[in-house]
Amino acid sequence: MFQQTRYAHNTALRGTLQQKLVAIAIAALCTLPPFLAMGQEPNGDLQQCRSLQQKIERLDAQRKKGGSASQMDRWKRQRQGIKDEFNALRCRHWGNQLR
């Protein structure tokens, strides 16, 4: 009886491990597209990318000053949305010209 319980427990652990490995594989595949796009030209023009960069810096400054928990969360979500747009437009290509 002990061996049957132990076998069932090991089988359940193996299933959980497989689920975790699948999740890790999916996460790894989702991070590949930005690396594949690194050699490509930006989609956003310099002015648009500068504007996004300034918005990100402004939100960073606001968060450094502090605020209520709900404000901090809202600013964090806003920053992430702007950063996603910045990355989607491949604005990093502009480099030091963004300053």
N, C-alpha and C. Protein backbone atom coordinates (compact mmCIF):
# COMPACT_ATOMS: atom_id res chain seq x y z
N MET A 1 0.82 -1.19 0.00
CA MET A 1 0.00 0.00 0.00
C MET A 1 0.87 1.26 0.00
N PHE A 2 1.93 1.23 0.79
CA PHE A 2 2.83 2.37 0.85
C PHE A 2 3.44 2.65 -0.53
N GLN A 3 3.80 1.60 -1.26
CA GLN A 3 4.40 1.78 -2.58
C GLN A 3 3.40 2.37 -3.57
N GLN A 4 2.15 1.98 -3.46
CA GLN A 4 1.13 2.54 -4.36
C GLN A 4 0.96 4.03 -4.09
N THR A 5 0.91 4.43 -2.84
CA THR A 5 0.77 5.84 -2.49
C THR A 5 1.99 6.62 -2.96
N ARG A 6 3.15 6.04 -2.75
CA ARG A 6 4.39 6.68 -3.17
C ARG A 6 4.43 6.83 -4.69
N TYR A 7 3.99 5.81 -5.42
CA TYR A 7 3.96 5.87 -6.88
C TYR A 7 3.00 6.97 -7.35
N ALA A 8 1.84 7.06 -6.73
CA ALA A 8 0.86 8.09 -7.10
C ALA A 8 1.44 9.48 -6.83
N HIS A 9 2.14 9.63 -5.71
CA HIS A 9 2.75 10.90 -5.36
C HIS A 9 3.83 11.28 -6.38
N ASN A 10 4.68 10.33 -6.77
CA ASN A 10 5.73 10.58 -7.75
C ASN A 10 5.14 10.94 -9.11
N THR A 11 4.07 10.28 -9.48
CA THR A 11 3.41 10.57 -10.76
C THR A 11 2.85 11.99 -10.75
N ALA A 12 2.25 12.39 -9.63
CA ALA A 12 1.71 13.75 -9.52
C ALA A 12 2.84 14.78 -9.60
N LEU A 13 3.97 14.51 -8.95
CA LEU A 13 5.11 15.43 -9.00
C LEU A 13 5.66 15.53 -10.41
N ARG A 14 5.74 14.40 -11.11
CA ARG A 14 6.23 14.39 -12.47
C ARG A 14 5.33 15.25 -13.37
N GLY A 15 4.01 15.14 -13.18
CA GLY A 15 3.07 15.95 -13.96
C GLY A 15 3.25 17.43 -13.68
N THR A 16 3.45 17.80 -12.43
CA THR A 16 3.67 19.20 -12.07
C THR A 16 4.96 19.71 -12.68
N LEU A 17 6.00 18.90 -12.65
CA LEU A 17 7.28 19.28 -13.24
C LEU A 17 7.14 19.49 -14.74
N GLN A 18 6.41 18.63 -15.40
CA GLN A 18 6.20 18.78 -16.85
C GLN A 18 5.46 20.08 -17.15
N GLN A 19 4.47 20.42 -16.34
CA GLN A 19 3.73 21.67 -16.54
C GLN A 19 4.66 22.87 -16.38
N LYS A 20 5.54 22.82 -15.39
CA LYS A 20 6.47 23.93 -15.18
C LYS A 20 7.44 24.04 -16.35
N LEU A 21 7.92 22.91 -16.85
CA LEU A 21 8.84 22.95 -17.98
C LEU A 21 8.18 23.51 -19.24
N VAL A 22 6.92 23.16 -19.45
CA VAL A 22 6.19 23.69 -20.60
C VAL A 22 6.03 25.20 -20.45
N ALA A 23 5.70 25.65 -19.24
CA ALA A 23 5.54 27.09 -19.00
C ALA A 23 6.85 27.84 -19.23
N ILE A 24 7.96 27.26 -18.80
CA ILE A 24 9.27 27.89 -19.00
C ILE A 24 9.60 27.94 -20.50
N ALA A 25 9.30 26.88 -21.22
CA ALA A 25 9.57 26.85 -22.66
C ALA A 25 8.76 27.92 -23.39
N ILE A 26 7.51 28.07 -23.01
CA ILE A 26 6.65 29.08 -23.64
C ILE A 26 7.18 30.47 -23.33
N ALA A 27 7.57 30.71 -22.08
CA ALA A 27 8.12 32.02 -21.70
C ALA A 27 9.39 32.32 -22.48
N ALA A 28 10.23 31.31 -22.67
CA ALA A 28 11.47 31.51 -23.41
C ALA A 28 11.17 31.86 -24.87
N LEU A 29 10.19 31.21 -25.46
CA LEU A 29 9.83 31.50 -26.85
C LEU A 29 9.25 32.90 -27.01
N CYS A 30 8.54 33.36 -25.99
CA CYS A 30 7.95 34.70 -26.06
C CYS A 30 9.00 35.79 -26.00
N THR A 31 10.17 35.50 -25.44
CA THR A 31 11.22 36.52 -25.35
C THR A 31 12.09 36.56 -26.60
N LEU A 32 11.93 35.64 -27.51
CA LEU A 32 12.76 35.61 -28.71
C LEU A 32 12.49 36.75 -29.70
N PRO A 33 11.24 37.13 -29.99
CA PRO A 33 11.01 38.14 -31.03
C PRO A 33 11.81 39.43 -30.87
N PRO A 34 11.95 40.02 -29.66
CA PRO A 34 12.75 41.24 -29.58
C PRO A 34 14.21 41.02 -30.02
N PHE A 35 14.77 39.86 -29.70
CA PHE A 35 16.14 39.59 -30.09
C PHE A 35 16.26 39.41 -31.60
N LEU A 36 15.23 38.86 -32.21
CA LEU A 36 15.26 38.67 -33.66
C LEU A 36 15.15 40.01 -34.40
N ALA A 37 14.53 40.99 -33.75
CA ALA A 37 14.29 42.28 -34.40
C ALA A 37 15.40 43.29 -34.15
N MET A 38 16.43 42.92 -33.42
CA MET A 38 17.46 43.89 -33.03
C MET A 38 18.18 44.51 -34.23
N GLY A 39 18.37 43.80 -35.28
CA GLY A 39 19.11 44.33 -36.41
C GLY A 39 18.27 45.18 -37.33
N GLN A 40 17.01 45.33 -37.07
CA GLN A 40 16.12 46.04 -37.97
C GLN A 40 16.06 47.53 -37.63
N GLU A 41 15.63 48.30 -38.58
CA GLU A 41 15.47 49.74 -38.40
C GLU A 41 14.26 50.02 -37.50
N PRO A 42 14.27 51.17 -36.83
CA PRO A 42 13.13 51.51 -35.97
C PRO A 42 11.89 51.84 -36.79
N ASN A 43 10.74 51.57 -36.22
CA ASN A 43 9.48 51.94 -36.86
C ASN A 43 9.08 53.36 -36.49
N GLY A 44 9.51 53.80 -35.30
CA GLY A 44 9.15 55.14 -34.84
C GLY A 44 10.19 56.16 -35.27
N ASP A 45 9.72 57.39 -35.56
CA ASP A 45 10.67 58.43 -35.89
C ASP A 45 11.31 58.97 -34.61
N LEU A 46 12.37 59.74 -34.74
CA LEU A 46 13.13 60.22 -33.60
C LEU A 46 12.27 61.05 -32.65
N GLN A 47 11.43 61.91 -33.19
CA GLN A 47 10.59 62.77 -32.35
C GLN A 47 9.61 61.94 -31.53
N GLN A 48 9.00 60.96 -32.14
CA GLN A 48 8.05 60.10 -31.44
C GLN A 48 8.76 59.32 -30.33
N CYS A 49 9.94 58.81 -30.62
CA CYS A 49 10.69 58.05 -29.62
C CYS A 49 11.16 58.93 -28.48
N ARG A 50 11.58 60.16 -28.80
CA ARG A 50 11.96 61.12 -27.74
C ARG A 50 10.79 61.40 -26.82
N SER A 51 9.62 61.58 -27.41
CA SER A 51 8.42 61.85 -26.61
C SER A 51 8.13 60.70 -25.65
N LEU A 52 8.21 59.49 -26.15
CA LEU A 52 7.98 58.32 -25.30
C LEU A 52 9.04 58.24 -24.19
N GLN A 53 10.30 58.51 -24.55
CA GLN A 53 11.38 58.47 -23.57
C GLN A 53 11.14 59.51 -22.48
N GLN A 54 10.70 60.71 -22.85
CA GLN A 54 10.43 61.76 -21.87
C GLN A 54 9.27 61.38 -20.96
N LYS A 55 8.25 60.73 -21.51
CA LYS A 55 7.13 60.27 -20.68
C LYS A 55 7.60 59.24 -19.66
N ILE A 56 8.45 58.34 -20.09
CA ILE A 56 8.99 57.32 -19.19
C ILE A 56 9.79 57.98 -18.08
N GLU A 57 10.65 58.95 -18.44
CA GLU A 57 11.47 59.64 -17.44
C GLU A 57 10.60 60.44 -16.46
N ARG A 58 9.54 61.06 -16.97
CA ARG A 58 8.64 61.82 -16.10
C ARG A 58 7.95 60.90 -15.09
N LEU A 59 7.50 59.75 -15.57
CA LEU A 59 6.86 58.79 -14.66
C LEU A 59 7.86 58.26 -13.63
N ASP A 60 9.10 58.04 -14.05
CA ASP A 60 10.14 57.60 -13.11
C ASP A 60 10.35 58.65 -12.02
N ALA A 61 10.38 59.93 -12.43
CA ALA A 61 10.57 61.01 -11.46
C ALA A 61 9.39 61.08 -10.49
N GLN A 62 8.19 60.92 -10.99
CA GLN A 62 7.00 60.93 -10.12
C GLN A 62 7.06 59.80 -9.11
N ARG A 63 7.46 58.63 -9.56
CA ARG A 63 7.53 57.47 -8.67
C ARG A 63 8.62 57.65 -7.62
N LYS A 64 9.73 58.32 -7.98
CA LYS A 64 10.78 58.57 -7.01
C LYS A 64 10.31 59.51 -5.91
N LYS A 65 9.46 60.47 -6.27
CA LYS A 65 8.91 61.39 -5.27
C LYS A 65 7.97 60.67 -4.33
N GLY A 66 7.36 59.62 -4.82
CA GLY A 66 6.45 58.83 -4.00
C GLY A 66 5.00 59.24 -4.17
N GLY A 67 4.14 58.49 -3.55
CA GLY A 67 2.71 58.73 -3.63
C GLY A 67 1.98 57.59 -2.95
N SER A 68 0.69 57.61 -3.05
CA SER A 68 -0.09 56.54 -2.44
C SER A 68 0.16 55.24 -3.20
N ALA A 69 -0.21 54.16 -2.59
CA ALA A 69 0.00 52.85 -3.22
C ALA A 69 -0.74 52.76 -4.56
N SER A 70 -1.96 53.29 -4.60
CA SER A 70 -2.72 53.22 -5.85
C SER A 70 -2.08 54.09 -6.94
N GLN A 71 -1.54 55.26 -6.56
CA GLN A 71 -0.85 56.11 -7.54
C GLN A 71 0.39 55.41 -8.08
N MET A 72 1.15 54.83 -7.17
CA MET A 72 2.38 54.16 -7.58
C MET A 72 2.07 53.02 -8.55
N ASP A 73 1.02 52.26 -8.26
CA ASP A 73 0.62 51.17 -9.16
C ASP A 73 0.17 51.70 -10.51
N ARG A 74 -0.60 52.77 -10.49
CA ARG A 74 -1.09 53.35 -11.74
C ARG A 74 0.09 53.86 -12.59
N TRP A 75 1.03 54.55 -11.95
CA TRP A 75 2.20 55.05 -12.67
C TRP A 75 3.04 53.90 -13.22
N LYS A 76 3.14 52.84 -12.45
CA LYS A 76 3.91 51.68 -12.89
C LYS A 76 3.27 51.05 -14.14
N ARG A 77 1.93 50.91 -14.11
CA ARG A 77 1.23 50.35 -15.27
C ARG A 77 1.36 51.26 -16.49
N GLN A 78 1.24 52.59 -16.27
CA GLN A 78 1.38 53.54 -17.37
C GLN A 78 2.78 53.45 -17.97
N ARG A 79 3.78 53.38 -17.10
CA ARG A 79 5.17 53.31 -17.57
C ARG A 79 5.38 52.04 -18.39
N GLN A 80 4.83 50.92 -17.92
CA GLN A 80 5.00 49.67 -18.65
C GLN A 80 4.34 49.74 -20.02
N GLY A 81 3.17 50.37 -20.09
CA GLY A 81 2.49 50.52 -21.38
C GLY A 81 3.30 51.37 -22.35
N ILE A 82 3.86 52.46 -21.84
CA ILE A 82 4.69 53.34 -22.68
C ILE A 82 5.96 52.61 -23.10
N LYS A 83 6.55 51.87 -22.16
CA LYS A 83 7.78 51.13 -22.45
C LYS A 83 7.51 50.05 -23.52
N ASP A 84 6.36 49.40 -23.44
CA ASP A 84 5.99 48.41 -24.46
C ASP A 84 5.89 49.06 -25.84
N GLU A 85 5.29 50.25 -25.89
CA GLU A 85 5.17 50.97 -27.16
C GLU A 85 6.57 51.37 -27.67
N PHE A 86 7.41 51.85 -26.75
CA PHE A 86 8.78 52.22 -27.06
C PHE A 86 9.53 51.05 -27.69
N ASN A 87 9.37 49.87 -27.08
CA ASN A 87 10.04 48.68 -27.60
C ASN A 87 9.44 48.20 -28.91
N ALA A 88 8.11 48.31 -29.04
CA ALA A 88 7.45 47.88 -30.28
C ALA A 88 7.91 48.73 -31.47
N LEU A 89 8.18 50.00 -31.20
CA LEU A 89 8.65 50.90 -32.27
C LEU A 89 10.17 50.79 -32.49
N ARG A 90 10.82 49.95 -31.68
CA ARG A 90 12.27 49.75 -31.76
C ARG A 90 13.03 51.07 -31.62
N CYS A 91 12.61 51.84 -30.62
CA CYS A 91 13.21 53.15 -30.40
C CYS A 91 14.64 53.09 -29.88
N ARG A 92 15.05 51.95 -29.34
CA ARG A 92 16.43 51.83 -28.83
C ARG A 92 17.45 52.07 -29.95
N HIS A 93 17.03 51.88 -31.17
CA HIS A 93 17.92 52.10 -32.32
C HIS A 93 18.47 53.52 -32.32
N TRP A 94 17.68 54.47 -31.82
CA TRP A 94 18.10 55.86 -31.83
C TRP A 94 19.19 56.16 -30.80
N GLY A 95 19.30 55.32 -29.80
CA GLY A 95 20.37 55.42 -28.80
C GLY A 95 20.51 56.78 -28.16
N ASN A 96 21.73 57.35 -28.23
CA ASN A 96 22.04 58.62 -27.57
C ASN A 96 21.27 59.81 -28.16
N GLN A 97 20.73 59.67 -29.34
CA GLN A 97 19.99 60.76 -29.95
C GLN A 97 18.68 61.04 -29.21
N LEU A 98 18.26 60.12 -28.36
CA LEU A 98 17.02 60.32 -27.60
C LEU A 98 17.20 61.33 -26.47
N ARG A 99 18.40 61.61 -26.08
CA ARG A 99 18.66 62.54 -24.96
C ARG A 99 18.59 63.97 -25.41
